[in-house]
Amino acid sequence: MAAASGDDQDAAIERFKVQKLIASLQKARGSGTSMISLILSPGTQISQTTKMLTDEYGTASNIKSRVTRQSVLSAITSAQHRLKQYSKCPPNGLVVYCGEVMTEDGKEKKLSIDFEPFKPIN
């Protein structure tokens, strides 16, 4: 009985952490298109997603604005490094956010987040 309530508490803590993370991501603001969001459903091949990011890297190399090009390429590279940490997609799926966000004092800060949702992604 004690183990069941401990599991419930762990699940509630995980939900709280994810909700807090989502709230902080909703407040995050960036300049232009320098943020990448990857939402992978269960069973998605990590290698296929990495290949897609490699193709996007080639496409992003043609962006004319130097600042935007560098921030997009940096975000794609960060997403690829995050995906390398996984051999296969977790049972509930995977969510990855990478890019540059503006801080309260107007400076850009690199942000890389990956987590497994507490409910399966459809």
PDB file of N, CA and C in Angstrom:
ATOM      1  N   MET A   1       0.820  -1.191   0.000  1.00  0.00           N
ATOM      2  CA  MET A   1       0.000   0.000   0.000  1.00  0.00           C
ATOM      3  C   MET A   1       0.860   1.248   0.000  1.00  0.00           C
ATOM      4  N   ALA A   2       1.939   1.231   0.770  1.00  0.00           N
ATOM      5  CA  ALA A   2       2.815   2.400   0.851  1.00  0.00           C
ATOM      6  C   ALA A   2       3.516   2.645  -0.483  1.00  0.00           C
ATOM      7  N   ALA A   3       3.843   1.575  -1.200  1.00  0.00           N
ATOM      8  CA  ALA A   3       4.511   1.728  -2.493  1.00  0.00           C
ATOM      9  C   ALA A   3       3.589   2.385  -3.515  1.00  0.00           C
ATOM     10  N   ALA A   4       2.291   2.056  -3.449  1.00  0.00           N
ATOM     11  CA  ALA A   4       1.336   2.642  -4.392  1.00  0.00           C
ATOM     12  C   ALA A   4       1.207   4.144  -4.168  1.00  0.00           C
ATOM     13  N   SER A   5       1.149   4.564  -2.907  1.00  0.00           N
ATOM     14  CA  SER A   5       1.026   6.003  -2.642  1.00  0.00           C
ATOM     15  C   SER A   5       2.330   6.717  -3.000  1.00  0.00           C
ATOM     16  N   GLY A   6       3.455   6.047  -2.869  1.00  0.00           N
ATOM     17  CA  GLY A   6       4.732   6.621  -3.279  1.00  0.00           C
ATOM     18  C   GLY A   6       4.790   6.820  -4.781  1.00  0.00           C
ATOM     19  N   ASP A   7       4.251   5.846  -5.538  1.00  0.00           N
ATOM     20  CA  ASP A   7       4.191   5.982  -6.993  1.00  0.00           C
ATOM     21  C   ASP A   7       3.273   7.124  -7.396  1.00  0.00           C
ATOM     22  N   ASP A   8       2.147   7.264  -6.681  1.00  0.00           N
ATOM     23  CA  ASP A   8       1.220   8.366  -6.963  1.00  0.00           C
ATOM     24  C   ASP A   8       1.887   9.707  -6.701  1.00  0.00           C
ATOM     25  N   GLN A   9       2.653   9.774  -5.625  1.00  0.00           N
ATOM     26  CA  GLN A   9       3.362  11.016  -5.305  1.00  0.00           C
ATOM     27  C   GLN A   9       4.419  11.321  -6.353  1.00  0.00           C
ATOM     28  N   ASP A  10       5.134  10.304  -6.796  1.00  0.00           N
ATOM     29  CA  ASP A  10       6.144  10.495  -7.841  1.00  0.00           C
ATOM     30  C   ASP A  10       5.500  10.995  -9.136  1.00  0.00           C
ATOM     31  N   ALA A  11       4.369  10.409  -9.485  1.00  0.00           N
ATOM     32  CA  ALA A  11       3.659  10.828 -10.698  1.00  0.00           C
ATOM     33  C   ALA A  11       3.175  12.269 -10.561  1.00  0.00           C
ATOM     34  N   ALA A  12       2.677  12.635  -9.378  1.00  0.00           N
ATOM     35  CA  ALA A  12       2.203  13.999  -9.153  1.00  0.00           C
ATOM     36  C   ALA A  12       3.357  14.994  -9.229  1.00  0.00           C
ATOM     37  N   ILE A  13       4.509  14.608  -8.710  1.00  0.00           N
ATOM     38  CA  ILE A  13       5.685  15.473  -8.767  1.00  0.00           C
ATOM     39  C   ILE A  13       6.129  15.665 -10.210  1.00  0.00           C
ATOM     40  N   GLU A  14       6.145  14.580 -10.985  1.00  0.00           N
ATOM     41  CA  GLU A  14       6.525  14.671 -12.394  1.00  0.00           C
ATOM     42  C   GLU A  14       5.562  15.569 -13.163  1.00  0.00           C
ATOM     43  N   ARG A  15       4.255  15.413 -12.902  1.00  0.00           N
ATOM     44  CA  ARG A  15       3.269  16.278 -13.564  1.00  0.00           C
ATOM     45  C   ARG A  15       3.507  17.732 -13.220  1.00  0.00           C
ATOM     46  N   PHE A  16       3.782  18.010 -11.957  1.00  0.00           N
ATOM     47  CA  PHE A  16       4.032  19.383 -11.523  1.00  0.00           C
ATOM     48  C   PHE A  16       5.259  19.953 -12.231  1.00  0.00           C
ATOM     49  N   LYS A  17       6.325  19.165 -12.319  1.00  0.00           N
ATOM     50  CA  LYS A  17       7.544  19.626 -12.992  1.00  0.00           C
ATOM     51  C   LYS A  17       7.283  19.939 -14.463  1.00  0.00           C
ATOM     52  N   VAL A  18       6.528  19.065 -15.135  1.00  0.00           N
ATOM     53  CA  VAL A  18       6.232  19.283 -16.549  1.00  0.00           C
ATOM     54  C   VAL A  18       5.344  20.512 -16.725  1.00  0.00           C
ATOM     55  N   GLN A  19       4.337  20.677 -15.849  1.00  0.00           N
ATOM     56  CA  GLN A  19       3.471  21.853 -15.942  1.00  0.00           C
ATOM     57  C   GLN A  19       4.253  23.138 -15.719  1.00  0.00           C
ATOM     58  N   LYS A  20       5.174  23.122 -14.777  1.00  0.00           N
ATOM     59  CA  LYS A  20       6.004  24.297 -14.520  1.00  0.00           C
ATOM     60  C   LYS A  20       6.914  24.584 -15.712  1.00  0.00           C
ATOM     61  N   LEU A  21       7.459  23.530 -16.315  1.00  0.00           N
ATOM     62  CA  LEU A  21       8.305  23.672 -17.498  1.00  0.00           C
ATOM     63  C   LEU A  21       7.511  24.260 -18.661  1.00  0.00           C
ATOM     64  N   ILE A  22       6.291  23.763 -18.869  1.00  0.00           N
ATOM     65  CA  ILE A  22       5.447  24.276 -19.947  1.00  0.00           C
ATOM     66  C   ILE A  22       5.114  25.745 -19.713  1.00  0.00           C
ATOM     67  N   ALA A  23       4.836  26.112 -18.467  1.00  0.00           N
ATOM     68  CA  ALA A  23       4.547  27.517 -18.159  1.00  0.00           C
ATOM     69  C   ALA A  23       5.751  28.400 -18.461  1.00  0.00           C
ATOM     70  N   SER A  24       6.951  27.928 -18.135  1.00  0.00           N
ATOM     71  CA  SER A  24       8.146  28.731 -18.422  1.00  0.00           C
ATOM     72  C   SER A  24       8.399  28.816 -19.926  1.00  0.00           C
ATOM     73  N   LEU A  25       8.086  27.753 -20.679  1.00  0.00           N
ATOM     74  CA  LEU A  25       8.249  27.791 -22.131  1.00  0.00           C
ATOM     75  C   LEU A  25       7.230  28.713 -22.792  1.00  0.00           C
ATOM     76  N   GLN A  26       6.033  28.813 -22.206  1.00  0.00           N
ATOM     77  CA  GLN A  26       5.029  29.721 -22.760  1.00  0.00           C
ATOM     78  C   GLN A  26       5.466  31.178 -22.603  1.00  0.00           C
ATOM     79  N   LYS A  27       6.201  31.479 -21.543  1.00  0.00           N
ATOM     80  CA  LYS A  27       6.684  32.836 -21.311  1.00  0.00           C
ATOM     81  C   LYS A  27       7.913  33.167 -22.155  1.00  0.00           C
ATOM     82  N   ALA A  28       8.590  32.136 -22.641  1.00  0.00           N
ATOM     83  CA  ALA A  28       9.838  32.337 -23.382  1.00  0.00           C
ATOM     84  C   ALA A  28       9.559  33.039 -24.708  1.00  0.00           C
ATOM     85  N   ARG A  29      10.371  34.034 -25.003  1.00  0.00           N
ATOM     86  CA  ARG A  29      10.261  34.768 -26.257  1.00  0.00           C
ATOM     87  C   ARG A  29      11.621  34.778 -26.925  1.00  0.00           C
ATOM     88  N   GLY A  30      11.612  34.643 -28.232  1.00  0.00           N
ATOM     89  CA  GLY A  30      12.855  34.652 -28.986  1.00  0.00           C
ATOM     90  C   GLY A  30      12.748  35.605 -30.149  1.00  0.00           C
ATOM     91  N   SER A  31      13.844  35.784 -30.819  1.00  0.00           N
ATOM     92  CA  SER A  31      13.842  36.653 -31.987  1.00  0.00           C
ATOM     93  C   SER A  31      13.746  35.796 -33.244  1.00  0.00           C
ATOM     94  N   GLY A  32      12.739  36.035 -34.043  1.00  0.00           N
ATOM     95  CA  GLY A  32      12.606  35.320 -35.308  1.00  0.00           C
ATOM     96  C   GLY A  32      12.295  33.848 -35.142  1.00  0.00           C
ATOM     97  N   THR A  33      12.963  33.033 -35.930  1.00  0.00           N
ATOM     98  CA  THR A  33      12.672  31.597 -35.987  1.00  0.00           C
ATOM     99  C   THR A  33      13.807  30.779 -35.398  1.00  0.00           C
ATOM    100  N   SER A  34      14.299  31.180 -34.258  1.00  0.00           N
ATOM    101  CA  SER A  34      15.481  30.524 -33.710  1.00  0.00           C
ATOM    102  C   SER A  34      15.147  29.446 -32.679  1.00  0.00           C
ATOM    103  N   MET A  35      13.891  29.006 -32.587  1.00  0.00           N
ATOM    104  CA  MET A  35      13.496  27.985 -31.621  1.00  0.00           C
ATOM    105  C   MET A  35      12.966  26.764 -32.367  1.00  0.00           C
ATOM    106  N   ILE A  36      13.420  25.585 -31.971  1.00  0.00           N
ATOM    107  CA  ILE A  36      12.985  24.338 -32.594  1.00  0.00           C
ATOM    108  C   ILE A  36      12.196  23.533 -31.576  1.00  0.00           C
ATOM    109  N   SER A  37      11.038  23.054 -31.979  1.00  0.00           N
ATOM    110  CA  SER A  37      10.211  22.179 -31.149  1.00  0.00           C
ATOM    111  C   SER A  37      10.061  20.851 -31.876  1.00  0.00           C
ATOM    112  N   LEU A  38      10.482  19.785 -31.244  1.00  0.00           N
ATOM    113  CA  LEU A  38      10.316  18.436 -31.794  1.00  0.00           C
ATOM    114  C   LEU A  38       9.424  17.650 -30.858  1.00  0.00           C
ATOM    115  N   ILE A  39       8.353  17.104 -31.390  1.00  0.00           N
ATOM    116  CA  ILE A  39       7.455  16.275 -30.602  1.00  0.00           C
ATOM    117  C   ILE A  39       7.389  14.923 -31.294  1.00  0.00           C
ATOM    118  N   LEU A  40       7.970  13.930 -30.658  1.00  0.00           N
ATOM    119  CA  LEU A  40       8.064  12.594 -31.247  1.00  0.00           C
ATOM    120  C   LEU A  40       7.092  11.655 -30.543  1.00  0.00           C
ATOM    121  N   SER A  41       6.250  11.000 -31.317  1.00  0.00           N
ATOM    122  CA  SER A  41       5.308  10.046 -30.745  1.00  0.00           C
ATOM    123  C   SER A  41       6.030   8.735 -30.434  1.00  0.00           C
ATOM    124  N   PRO A  42       5.444   7.902 -29.569  1.00  0.00           N
ATOM    125  CA  PRO A  42       6.082   6.622 -29.249  1.00  0.00           C
ATOM    126  C   PRO A  42       6.289   5.788 -30.511  1.00  0.00           C
ATOM    127  N   GLY A  43       7.415   5.151 -30.610  1.00  0.00           N
ATOM    128  CA  GLY A  43       7.712   4.316 -31.768  1.00  0.00           C
ATOM    129  C   GLY A  43       8.402   5.048 -32.901  1.00  0.00           C
ATOM    130  N   THR A  44       8.549   6.372 -32.790  1.00  0.00           N
ATOM    131  CA  THR A  44       9.241   7.127 -33.826  1.00  0.00           C
ATOM    132  C   THR A  44      10.721   6.756 -33.809  1.00  0.00           C
ATOM    133  N   GLN A  45      11.291   6.604 -34.980  1.00  0.00           N
ATOM    134  CA  GLN A  45      12.706   6.264 -35.091  1.00  0.00           C
ATOM    135  C   GLN A  45      13.549   7.518 -34.845  1.00  0.00           C
ATOM    136  N   ILE A  46      14.458   7.455 -33.880  1.00  0.00           N
ATOM    137  CA  ILE A  46      15.344   8.581 -33.578  1.00  0.00           C
ATOM    138  C   ILE A  46      16.249   8.861 -34.781  1.00  0.00           C
ATOM    139  N   SER A  47      16.706   7.802 -35.457  1.00  0.00           N
ATOM    140  CA  SER A  47      17.598   7.984 -36.602  1.00  0.00           C
ATOM    141  C   SER A  47      16.902   8.724 -37.746  1.00  0.00           C
ATOM    142  N   GLN A  48      15.615   8.462 -37.939  1.00  0.00           N
ATOM    143  CA  GLN A  48      14.851   9.140 -38.979  1.00  0.00           C
ATOM    144  C   GLN A  48      14.719  10.629 -38.652  1.00  0.00           C
ATOM    145  N   THR A  49      14.484  10.945 -37.394  1.00  0.00           N
ATOM    146  CA  THR A  49      14.377  12.346 -36.970  1.00  0.00           C
ATOM    147  C   THR A  49      15.720  13.047 -37.096  1.00  0.00           C
ATOM    148  N   THR A  50      16.803  12.361 -36.763  1.00  0.00           N
ATOM    149  CA  THR A  50      18.140  12.945 -36.901  1.00  0.00           C
ATOM    150  C   THR A  50      18.449  13.231 -38.364  1.00  0.00           C
ATOM    151  N   LYS A  51      18.049  12.332 -39.250  1.00  0.00           N
ATOM    152  CA  LYS A  51      18.247  12.550 -40.691  1.00  0.00           C
ATOM    153  C   LYS A  51      17.451  13.770 -41.151  1.00  0.00           C
ATOM    154  N   MET A  52      16.220  13.902 -40.664  1.00  0.00           N
ATOM    155  CA  MET A  52      15.400  15.053 -41.021  1.00  0.00           C
ATOM    156  C   MET A  52      16.063  16.359 -40.564  1.00  0.00           C
ATOM    157  N   LEU A  53      16.647  16.337 -39.366  1.00  0.00           N
ATOM    158  CA  LEU A  53      17.341  17.525 -38.858  1.00  0.00           C
ATOM    159  C   LEU A  53      18.583  17.828 -39.698  1.00  0.00           C
ATOM    160  N   THR A  54      19.275  16.800 -40.163  1.00  0.00           N
ATOM    161  CA  THR A  54      20.441  16.998 -41.029  1.00  0.00           C
ATOM    162  C   THR A  54      20.024  17.663 -42.343  1.00  0.00           C
ATOM    163  N   ASP A  55      18.893  17.216 -42.903  1.00  0.00           N
ATOM    164  CA  ASP A  55      18.374  17.840 -44.122  1.00  0.00           C
ATOM    165  C   ASP A  55      17.994  19.294 -43.870  1.00  0.00           C
ATOM    166  N   GLU A  56      17.371  19.554 -42.713  1.00  0.00           N
ATOM    167  CA  GLU A  56      16.989  20.928 -42.362  1.00  0.00           C
ATOM    168  C   GLU A  56      18.231  21.812 -42.159  1.00  0.00           C
ATOM    169  N   TYR A  57      19.304  21.208 -41.653  1.00  0.00           N
ATOM    170  CA  TYR A  57      20.558  21.948 -41.466  1.00  0.00           C
ATOM    171  C   TYR A  57      21.061  22.454 -42.817  1.00  0.00           C
ATOM    172  N   GLY A  58      20.985  21.590 -43.831  1.00  0.00           N
ATOM    173  CA  GLY A  58      21.401  21.991 -45.177  1.00  0.00           C
ATOM    174  C   GLY A  58      20.531  23.100 -45.729  1.00  0.00           C
ATOM    175  N   THR A  59      19.242  23.020 -45.479  1.00  0.00           N
ATOM    176  CA  THR A  59      18.314  24.054 -45.939  1.00  0.00           C
ATOM    177  C   THR A  59      18.561  25.361 -45.192  1.00  0.00           C
ATOM    178  N   ALA A  60      18.786  25.275 -43.890  1.00  0.00           N
ATOM    179  CA  ALA A  60      18.993  26.480 -43.082  1.00  0.00           C
ATOM    180  C   ALA A  60      20.305  27.180 -43.418  1.00  0.00           C
ATOM    181  N   SER A  61      21.231  26.467 -44.022  1.00  0.00           N
ATOM    182  CA  SER A  61      22.503  27.080 -44.414  1.00  0.00           C
ATOM    183  C   SER A  61      22.308  28.161 -45.471  1.00  0.00           C
ATOM    184  N   ASN A  62      21.158  28.150 -46.133  1.00  0.00           N
ATOM    185  CA  ASN A  62      20.874  29.127 -47.182  1.00  0.00           C
ATOM    186  C   ASN A  62      20.161  30.378 -46.675  1.00  0.00           C
ATOM    187  N   ILE A  63      19.914  30.493 -45.368  1.00  0.00           N
ATOM    188  CA  ILE A  63      19.251  31.683 -44.821  1.00  0.00           C
ATOM    189  C   ILE A  63      20.171  32.876 -45.011  1.00  0.00           C
ATOM    190  N   LYS A  64      19.620  33.971 -45.537  1.00  0.00           N
ATOM    191  CA  LYS A  64      20.450  35.126 -45.880  1.00  0.00           C
ATOM    192  C   LYS A  64      20.949  35.888 -44.656  1.00  0.00           C
ATOM    193  N   SER A  65      20.092  36.083 -43.665  1.00  0.00           N
ATOM    194  CA  SER A  65      20.489  36.835 -42.475  1.00  0.00           C
ATOM    195  C   SER A  65      21.502  36.027 -41.663  1.00  0.00           C
ATOM    196  N   ARG A  66      22.677  36.589 -41.446  1.00  0.00           N
ATOM    197  CA  ARG A  66      23.743  35.877 -40.741  1.00  0.00           C
ATOM    198  C   ARG A  66      23.330  35.504 -39.328  1.00  0.00           C
ATOM    199  N   VAL A  67      22.712  36.429 -38.595  1.00  0.00           N
ATOM    200  CA  VAL A  67      22.341  36.186 -37.194  1.00  0.00           C
ATOM    201  C   VAL A  67      21.287  35.087 -37.109  1.00  0.00           C
ATOM    202  N   THR A  68      20.275  35.182 -37.959  1.00  0.00           N
ATOM    203  CA  THR A  68      19.215  34.169 -37.953  1.00  0.00           C
ATOM    204  C   THR A  68      19.770  32.820 -38.365  1.00  0.00           C
ATOM    205  N   ARG A  69      20.614  32.788 -39.400  1.00  0.00           N
ATOM    206  CA  ARG A  69      21.212  31.536 -39.871  1.00  0.00           C
ATOM    207  C   ARG A  69      22.004  30.868 -38.755  1.00  0.00           C
ATOM    208  N   GLN A  70      22.824  31.644 -38.058  1.00  0.00           N
ATOM    209  CA  GLN A  70      23.652  31.067 -36.994  1.00  0.00           C
ATOM    210  C   GLN A  70      22.800  30.537 -35.844  1.00  0.00           C
ATOM    211  N   SER A  71      21.745  31.271 -35.471  1.00  0.00           N
ATOM    212  CA  SER A  71      20.920  30.804 -34.359  1.00  0.00           C
ATOM    213  C   SER A  71      20.119  29.560 -34.741  1.00  0.00           C
ATOM    214  N   VAL A  72      19.636  29.486 -35.984  1.00  0.00           N
ATOM    215  CA  VAL A  72      18.902  28.297 -36.428  1.00  0.00           C
ATOM    216  C   VAL A  72      19.836  27.095 -36.514  1.00  0.00           C
ATOM    217  N   LEU A  73      21.015  27.281 -37.074  1.00  0.00           N
ATOM    218  CA  LEU A  73      21.980  26.175 -37.165  1.00  0.00           C
ATOM    219  C   LEU A  73      22.396  25.694 -35.782  1.00  0.00           C
ATOM    220  N   SER A  74      22.556  26.626 -34.859  1.00  0.00           N
ATOM    221  CA  SER A  74      22.905  26.267 -33.485  1.00  0.00           C
ATOM    222  C   SER A  74      21.781  25.462 -32.831  1.00  0.00           C
ATOM    223  N   ALA A  75      20.528  25.872 -33.062  1.00  0.00           N
ATOM    224  CA  ALA A  75      19.384  25.159 -32.488  1.00  0.00           C
ATOM    225  C   ALA A  75      19.272  23.751 -33.073  1.00  0.00           C
ATOM    226  N   ILE A  76      19.493  23.617 -34.375  1.00  0.00           N
ATOM    227  CA  ILE A  76      19.436  22.291 -35.006  1.00  0.00           C
ATOM    228  C   ILE A  76      20.531  21.389 -34.449  1.00  0.00           C
ATOM    229  N   THR A  77      21.732  21.931 -34.288  1.00  0.00           N
ATOM    230  CA  THR A  77      22.844  21.152 -33.729  1.00  0.00           C
ATOM    231  C   THR A  77      22.528  20.716 -32.297  1.00  0.00           C
ATOM    232  N   SER A  78      21.962  21.618 -31.498  1.00  0.00           N
ATOM    233  CA  SER A  78      21.593  21.276 -30.118  1.00  0.00           C
ATOM    234  C   SER A  78      20.546  20.173 -30.089  1.00  0.00           C
ATOM    235  N   ALA A  79      19.564  20.249 -30.988  1.00  0.00           N
ATOM    236  CA  ALA A  79      18.530  19.222 -31.044  1.00  0.00           C
ATOM    237  C   ALA A  79      19.134  17.869 -31.426  1.00  0.00           C
ATOM    238  N   GLN A  80      20.079  17.880 -32.367  1.00  0.00           N
ATOM    239  CA  GLN A  80      20.737  16.634 -32.756  1.00  0.00           C
ATOM    240  C   GLN A  80      21.510  16.031 -31.581  1.00  0.00           C
ATOM    241  N   HIS A  81      22.200  16.881 -30.810  1.00  0.00           N
ATOM    242  CA  HIS A  81      22.952  16.383 -29.655  1.00  0.00           C
ATOM    243  C   HIS A  81      22.013  15.820 -28.594  1.00  0.00           C
ATOM    244  N   ARG A  82      20.863  16.447 -28.399  1.00  0.00           N
ATOM    245  CA  ARG A  82      19.886  15.937 -27.437  1.00  0.00           C
ATOM    246  C   ARG A  82      19.364  14.572 -27.872  1.00  0.00           C
ATOM    247  N   LEU A  83      19.103  14.422 -29.171  1.00  0.00           N
ATOM    248  CA  LEU A  83      18.575  13.152 -29.670  1.00  0.00           C
ATOM    249  C   LEU A  83      19.608  12.031 -29.576  1.00  0.00           C
ATOM    250  N   LYS A  84      20.903  12.372 -29.618  1.00  0.00           N
ATOM    251  CA  LYS A  84      21.949  11.349 -29.515  1.00  0.00           C
ATOM    252  C   LYS A  84      21.953  10.680 -28.146  1.00  0.00           C
ATOM    253  N   GLN A  85      21.333  11.312 -27.154  1.00  0.00           N
ATOM    254  CA  GLN A  85      21.280  10.733 -25.813  1.00  0.00           C
ATOM    255  C   GLN A  85      20.302   9.561 -25.733  1.00  0.00           C
ATOM    256  N   TYR A  86      19.475   9.392 -26.762  1.00  0.00           N
ATOM    257  CA  TYR A  86      18.452   8.345 -26.761  1.00  0.00           C
ATOM    258  C   TYR A  86      18.758   7.311 -27.838  1.00  0.00           C
ATOM    259  N   SER A  87      18.702   6.035 -27.461  1.00  0.00           N
ATOM    260  CA  SER A  87      18.882   4.972 -28.456  1.00  0.00           C
ATOM    261  C   SER A  87      17.559   4.678 -29.163  1.00  0.00           C
ATOM    262  N   LYS A  88      16.459   4.841 -28.448  1.00  0.00           N
ATOM    263  CA  LYS A  88      15.126   4.700 -29.048  1.00  0.00           C
ATOM    264  C   LYS A  88      14.176   5.657 -28.339  1.00  0.00           C
ATOM    265  N   CYS A  89      13.046   5.896 -28.960  1.00  0.00           N
ATOM    266  CA  CYS A  89      12.064   6.827 -28.414  1.00  0.00           C
ATOM    267  C   CYS A  89      11.429   6.218 -27.151  1.00  0.00           C
ATOM    268  N   PRO A  90      11.301   6.985 -26.064  1.00  0.00           N
ATOM    269  CA  PRO A  90      10.691   6.470 -24.835  1.00  0.00           C
ATOM    270  C   PRO A  90       9.241   6.022 -25.066  1.00  0.00           C
ATOM    271  N   PRO A  91       8.690   5.225 -24.153  1.00  0.00           N
ATOM    272  CA  PRO A  91       7.332   4.679 -24.324  1.00  0.00           C
ATOM    273  C   PRO A  91       6.231   5.749 -24.442  1.00  0.00           C
ATOM    274  N   ASN A  92       6.415   6.896 -23.804  1.00  0.00           N
ATOM    275  CA  ASN A  92       5.401   7.956 -23.879  1.00  0.00           C
ATOM    276  C   ASN A  92       5.706   8.996 -24.947  1.00  0.00           C
ATOM    277  N   GLY A  93       6.776   8.813 -25.682  1.00  0.00           N
ATOM    278  CA  GLY A  93       7.177   9.792 -26.681  1.00  0.00           C
ATOM    279  C   GLY A  93       8.294  10.675 -26.139  1.00  0.00           C
ATOM    280  N   LEU A  94       8.630  11.708 -26.888  1.00  0.00           N
ATOM    281  CA  LEU A  94       9.727  12.591 -26.507  1.00  0.00           C
ATOM    282  C   LEU A  94       9.435  13.997 -27.008  1.00  0.00           C
ATOM    283  N   VAL A  95       9.744  14.980 -26.161  1.00  0.00           N
ATOM    284  CA  VAL A  95       9.569  16.384 -26.523  1.00  0.00           C
ATOM    285  C   VAL A  95      10.925  17.062 -26.372  1.00  0.00           C
ATOM    286  N   VAL A  96      11.354  17.774 -27.421  1.00  0.00           N
ATOM    287  CA  VAL A  96      12.649  18.463 -27.411  1.00  0.00           C
ATOM    288  C   VAL A  96      12.431  19.916 -27.825  1.00  0.00           C
ATOM    289  N   TYR A  97      12.943  20.846 -27.024  1.00  0.00           N
ATOM    290  CA  TYR A  97      12.933  22.272 -27.348  1.00  0.00           C
ATOM    291  C   TYR A  97      14.374  22.762 -27.336  1.00  0.00           C
ATOM    292  N   CYS A  98      14.800  23.397 -28.409  1.00  0.00           N
ATOM    293  CA  CYS A  98      16.153  23.948 -28.492  1.00  0.00           C
ATOM    294  C   CYS A  98      16.095  25.296 -29.196  1.00  0.00           C
ATOM    295  N   GLY A  99      16.906  26.231 -28.738  1.00  0.00           N
ATOM    296  CA  GLY A  99      16.994  27.524 -29.395  1.00  0.00           C
ATOM    297  C   GLY A  99      17.461  28.605 -28.452  1.00  0.00           C
ATOM    298  N   GLU A 100      17.328  29.833 -28.910  1.00  0.00           N
ATOM    299  CA  GLU A 100      17.737  30.984 -28.110  1.00  0.00           C
ATOM    300  C   GLU A 100      16.504  31.759 -27.700  1.00  0.00           C
ATOM    301  N   VAL A 101      16.426  32.074 -26.398  1.00  0.00           N
ATOM    302  CA  VAL A 101      15.312  32.861 -25.876  1.00  0.00           C
ATOM    303  C   VAL A 101      15.864  34.142 -25.268  1.00  0.00           C
ATOM    304  N   MET A 102      15.002  35.133 -25.189  1.00  0.00           N
ATOM    305  CA  MET A 102      15.397  36.409 -24.581  1.00  0.00           C
ATOM    306  C   MET A 102      15.180  36.330 -23.070  1.00  0.00           C
ATOM    307  N   THR A 103      16.160  36.778 -22.309  1.00  0.00           N
ATOM    308  CA  THR A 103      16.017  36.847 -20.864  1.00  0.00           C
ATOM    309  C   THR A 103      15.339  38.158 -20.486  1.00  0.00           C
ATOM    310  N   GLU A 104      15.045  38.337 -19.184  1.00  0.00           N
ATOM    311  CA  GLU A 104      14.375  39.545 -18.721  1.00  0.00           C
ATOM    312  C   GLU A 104      15.203  40.798 -18.995  1.00  0.00           C
ATOM    313  N   ASP A 105      16.526  40.674 -18.958  1.00  0.00           N
ATOM    314  CA  ASP A 105      17.387  41.836 -19.166  1.00  0.00           C
ATOM    315  C   ASP A 105      17.747  42.047 -20.641  1.00  0.00           C
ATOM    316  N   GLY A 106      17.050  41.355 -21.551  1.00  0.00           N
ATOM    317  CA  GLY A 106      17.225  41.598 -22.978  1.00  0.00           C
ATOM    318  C   GLY A 106      18.346  40.831 -23.648  1.00  0.00           C
ATOM    319  N   LYS A 107      19.008  39.944 -22.927  1.00  0.00           N
ATOM    320  CA  LYS A 107      20.086  39.147 -23.513  1.00  0.00           C
ATOM    321  C   LYS A 107      19.536  37.823 -24.019  1.00  0.00           C
ATOM    322  N   GLU A 108      20.209  37.260 -25.017  1.00  0.00           N
ATOM    323  CA  GLU A 108      19.794  35.959 -25.530  1.00  0.00           C
ATOM    324  C   GLU A 108      20.488  34.851 -24.755  1.00  0.00           C
ATOM    325  N   LYS A 109      19.730  33.803 -24.455  1.00  0.00           N
ATOM    326  CA  LYS A 109      20.247  32.674 -23.692  1.00  0.00           C
ATOM    327  C   LYS A 109      19.898  31.400 -24.442  1.00  0.00           C
ATOM    328  N   LYS A 110      20.856  30.495 -24.554  1.00  0.00           N
ATOM    329  CA  LYS A 110      20.620  29.228 -25.242  1.00  0.00           C
ATOM    330  C   LYS A 110      19.839  28.294 -24.323  1.00  0.00           C
ATOM    331  N   LEU A 111      18.802  27.683 -24.879  1.00  0.00           N
ATOM    332  CA  LEU A 111      17.922  26.819 -24.105  1.00  0.00           C
ATOM    333  C   LEU A 111      17.811  25.473 -24.808  1.00  0.00           C
ATOM    334  N   SER A 112      18.054  24.388 -24.089  1.00  0.00           N
ATOM    335  CA  SER A 112      17.890  23.034 -24.629  1.00  0.00           C
ATOM    336  C   SER A 112      17.187  22.188 -23.581  1.00  0.00           C
ATOM    337  N   ILE A 113      16.004  21.703 -23.934  1.00  0.00           N
ATOM    338  CA  ILE A 113      15.203  20.918 -22.991  1.00  0.00           C
ATOM    339  C   ILE A 113      14.697  19.678 -23.708  1.00  0.00           C
ATOM    340  N   ASP A 114      14.786  18.538 -23.039  1.00  0.00           N
ATOM    341  CA  ASP A 114      14.156  17.328 -23.544  1.00  0.00           C
ATOM    342  C   ASP A 114      13.540  16.587 -22.375  1.00  0.00           C
ATOM    343  N   PHE A 115      12.328  16.071 -22.590  1.00  0.00           N
ATOM    344  CA  PHE A 115      11.669  15.314 -21.528  1.00  0.00           C
ATOM    345  C   PHE A 115      10.671  14.337 -22.126  1.00  0.00           C
ATOM    346  N   GLU A 116      10.358  13.327 -21.314  1.00  0.00           N
ATOM    347  CA  GLU A 116       9.335  12.349 -21.687  1.00  0.00           C
ATOM    348  C   GLU A 116       8.042  12.763 -21.010  1.00  0.00           C
ATOM    349  N   PRO A 117       6.964  12.970 -21.769  1.00  0.00           N
ATOM    350  CA  PRO A 117       5.691  13.362 -21.161  1.00  0.00           C
ATOM    351  C   PRO A 117       5.145  12.268 -20.249  1.00  0.00           C
ATOM    352  N   PHE A 118       4.298  12.635 -19.306  1.00  0.00           N
ATOM    353  CA  PHE A 118       3.747  11.630 -18.396  1.00  0.00           C
ATOM    354  C   PHE A 118       2.601  10.861 -19.027  1.00  0.00           C
ATOM    355  N   LYS A 119       2.024  11.353 -20.136  1.00  0.00           N
ATOM    356  CA  LYS A 119       1.016  10.627 -20.907  1.00  0.00           C
ATOM    357  C   LYS A 119       1.544  10.385 -22.318  1.00  0.00           C
ATOM    358  N   PRO A 120       1.172   9.273 -22.939  1.00  0.00           N
ATOM    359  CA  PRO A 120       1.641   9.009 -24.312  1.00  0.00           C
ATOM    360  C   PRO A 120       1.153  10.070 -25.290  1.00  0.00           C
ATOM    361  N   ILE A 121       2.016  10.428 -26.238  1.00  0.00           N
ATOM    362  CA  ILE A 121       1.672  11.388 -27.281  1.00  0.00           C
ATOM    363  C   ILE A 121       1.002  10.616 -28.404  1.00  0.00           C
ATOM    364  N   ASN A 122      -0.089  11.141 -28.915  1.00  0.00           N
ATOM    365  CA  ASN A 122      -0.800  10.488 -30.028  1.00  0.00           C
ATOM    366  C   ASN A 122      -0.261  10.957 -31.345  1.00  0.00           C
TER     367      ASN A 122
END
